[in-house]
Amino acid sequence: MKLKATYTRRILAMMYFPDCEPANAVRRLTSEIKRCVELYELLTAKGRNFDRKQILTIREVKLIEEFLGEPACSIEDVL
């Protein structure tokens, strides 16, 4: 499944960690992103404040998928 849309951080996190509560899923996704230094540097390049973003752009979503792999479930499963 290739992600091709903007997502809120919460929805994307729930797609990657469907068995977690939303707040925990967001923390886990953020932790995984920060653990992948190259990904985090790309997301924060040019002074972008990625840590406070609620809505992720298509570019950011594609980068996350490229580095972390496909989510565990689809958006239909989360909603």
C-alpha atoms as a PDB file:
ATOM      1  CA  MET A   1       0.000   0.000   0.000  1.00  0.00           C
ATOM      2  CA  LYS A   2       1.565   3.274  -1.056  1.00  0.00           C
ATOM      3  CA  LEU A   3       0.499   6.264   0.997  1.00  0.00           C
ATOM      4  CA  LYS A   4      -0.561   9.134  -1.263  1.00  0.00           C
ATOM      5  CA  ALA A   5      -2.336  11.633   0.936  1.00  0.00           C
ATOM      6  CA  THR A   6      -1.869  14.000   3.826  1.00  0.00           C
ATOM      7  CA  TYR A   7      -2.620  12.475   7.210  1.00  0.00           C
ATOM      8  CA  THR A   8      -2.826  13.731  10.735  1.00  0.00           C
ATOM      9  CA  ARG A   9      -0.004  12.499  12.904  1.00  0.00           C
ATOM     10  CA  ARG A  10      -2.551  10.576  14.998  1.00  0.00           C
ATOM     11  CA  ILE A  11      -4.107   8.723  12.039  1.00  0.00           C
ATOM     12  CA  LEU A  12      -0.714   7.793  10.598  1.00  0.00           C
ATOM     13  CA  ALA A  13       0.461   6.616  14.021  1.00  0.00           C
ATOM     14  CA  MET A  14      -2.656   4.452  14.400  1.00  0.00           C
ATOM     15  CA  MET A  15      -1.931   2.928  10.987  1.00  0.00           C
ATOM     16  CA  TYR A  16       1.568   1.944  12.151  1.00  0.00           C
ATOM     17  CA  PHE A  17       0.539   0.905  15.672  1.00  0.00           C
ATOM     18  CA  PRO A  18      -3.105  -0.223  15.501  1.00  0.00           C
ATOM     19  CA  ASP A  19      -3.000  -2.050  18.847  1.00  0.00           C
ATOM     20  CA  CYS A  20      -2.062   1.094  20.802  1.00  0.00           C
ATOM     21  CA  GLU A  21      -4.189   3.870  22.196  1.00  0.00           C
ATOM     22  CA  PRO A  22      -3.919   6.968  19.950  1.00  0.00           C
ATOM     23  CA  ALA A  23      -1.646   8.935  22.306  1.00  0.00           C
ATOM     24  CA  ASN A  24       0.695   5.964  22.729  1.00  0.00           C
ATOM     25  CA  ALA A  25       0.712   5.331  18.974  1.00  0.00           C
ATOM     26  CA  VAL A  26       1.778   8.942  18.365  1.00  0.00           C
ATOM     27  CA  ARG A  27       4.574   8.623  20.931  1.00  0.00           C
ATOM     28  CA  ARG A  28       5.774   5.364  19.384  1.00  0.00           C
ATOM     29  CA  LEU A  29       5.735   6.768  15.840  1.00  0.00           C
ATOM     30  CA  THR A  30       7.591   9.895  16.956  1.00  0.00           C
ATOM     31  CA  SER A  31      10.127   7.728  18.755  1.00  0.00           C
ATOM     32  CA  GLU A  32      10.673   5.566  15.657  1.00  0.00           C
ATOM     33  CA  ILE A  33      11.116   8.670  13.500  1.00  0.00           C
ATOM     34  CA  LYS A  34      13.671  10.192  15.886  1.00  0.00           C
ATOM     35  CA  ARG A  35      15.502   6.875  16.132  1.00  0.00           C
ATOM     36  CA  CYS A  36      16.007   6.975  12.364  1.00  0.00           C
ATOM     37  CA  VAL A  37      18.418   9.920  12.295  1.00  0.00           C
ATOM     38  CA  GLU A  38      18.477  10.351   8.519  1.00  0.00           C
ATOM     39  CA  LEU A  39      14.671  10.456   8.348  1.00  0.00           C
ATOM     40  CA  TYR A  40      14.430  12.936  11.216  1.00  0.00           C
ATOM     41  CA  GLU A  41      17.034  15.189   9.580  1.00  0.00           C
ATOM     42  CA  LEU A  42      15.078  15.178   6.305  1.00  0.00           C
ATOM     43  CA  LEU A  43      11.835  16.006   8.122  1.00  0.00           C
ATOM     44  CA  THR A  44      13.442  18.877  10.049  1.00  0.00           C
ATOM     45  CA  ALA A  45      15.590  20.249   7.201  1.00  0.00           C
ATOM     46  CA  LYS A  46      15.477  23.976   6.549  1.00  0.00           C
ATOM     47  CA  GLY A  47      14.282  24.703  10.068  1.00  0.00           C
ATOM     48  CA  ARG A  48      10.975  22.849   9.776  1.00  0.00           C
ATOM     49  CA  ASN A  49       9.495  22.157  13.193  1.00  0.00           C
ATOM     50  CA  PHE A  50       8.348  18.591  12.620  1.00  0.00           C
ATOM     51  CA  ASP A  51       7.806  17.788  16.306  1.00  0.00           C
ATOM     52  CA  ARG A  52       4.821  20.123  16.614  1.00  0.00           C
ATOM     53  CA  LYS A  53       3.164  19.372  13.273  1.00  0.00           C
ATOM     54  CA  GLN A  54      -0.284  17.838  13.459  1.00  0.00           C
ATOM     55  CA  ILE A  55      -0.932  17.464   9.723  1.00  0.00           C
ATOM     56  CA  LEU A  56       1.759  15.754   7.680  1.00  0.00           C
ATOM     57  CA  THR A  57       2.288  16.604   4.024  1.00  0.00           C
ATOM     58  CA  ILE A  58       2.348  14.013   1.270  1.00  0.00           C
ATOM     59  CA  ARG A  59       6.133  14.417   1.090  1.00  0.00           C
ATOM     60  CA  GLU A  60       6.523  13.779   4.829  1.00  0.00           C
ATOM     61  CA  VAL A  61       4.213  10.764   4.720  1.00  0.00           C
ATOM     62  CA  LYS A  62       6.143   9.296   1.775  1.00  0.00           C
ATOM     63  CA  LEU A  63       9.468   9.814   3.576  1.00  0.00           C
ATOM     64  CA  ILE A  64       8.150   8.100   6.690  1.00  0.00           C
ATOM     65  CA  GLU A  65       6.898   5.161   4.639  1.00  0.00           C
ATOM     66  CA  GLU A  66      10.201   4.963   2.748  1.00  0.00           C
ATOM     67  CA  PHE A  67      12.242   4.731   5.955  1.00  0.00           C
ATOM     68  CA  LEU A  68       9.854   2.853   8.270  1.00  0.00           C
ATOM     69  CA  GLY A  69       8.135   0.645   5.731  1.00  0.00           C
ATOM     70  CA  GLU A  70       4.432   0.273   5.050  1.00  0.00           C
ATOM     71  CA  PRO A  71       1.983   0.732   7.925  1.00  0.00           C
ATOM     72  CA  ALA A  72       0.532  -2.334   9.628  1.00  0.00           C
ATOM     73  CA  CYS A  73      -3.013  -1.481   8.540  1.00  0.00           C
ATOM     74  CA  SER A  74      -4.893   0.756   6.128  1.00  0.00           C
ATOM     75  CA  ILE A  75      -6.707   3.971   6.901  1.00  0.00           C
ATOM     76  CA  GLU A  76     -10.036   2.154   6.538  1.00  0.00           C
ATOM     77  CA  ASP A  77      -9.044  -0.098   9.444  1.00  0.00           C
ATOM     78  CA  VAL A  78      -8.233   2.905  11.627  1.00  0.00           C
ATOM     79  CA  LEU A  79     -11.326   4.995  10.961  1.00  0.00           C
END
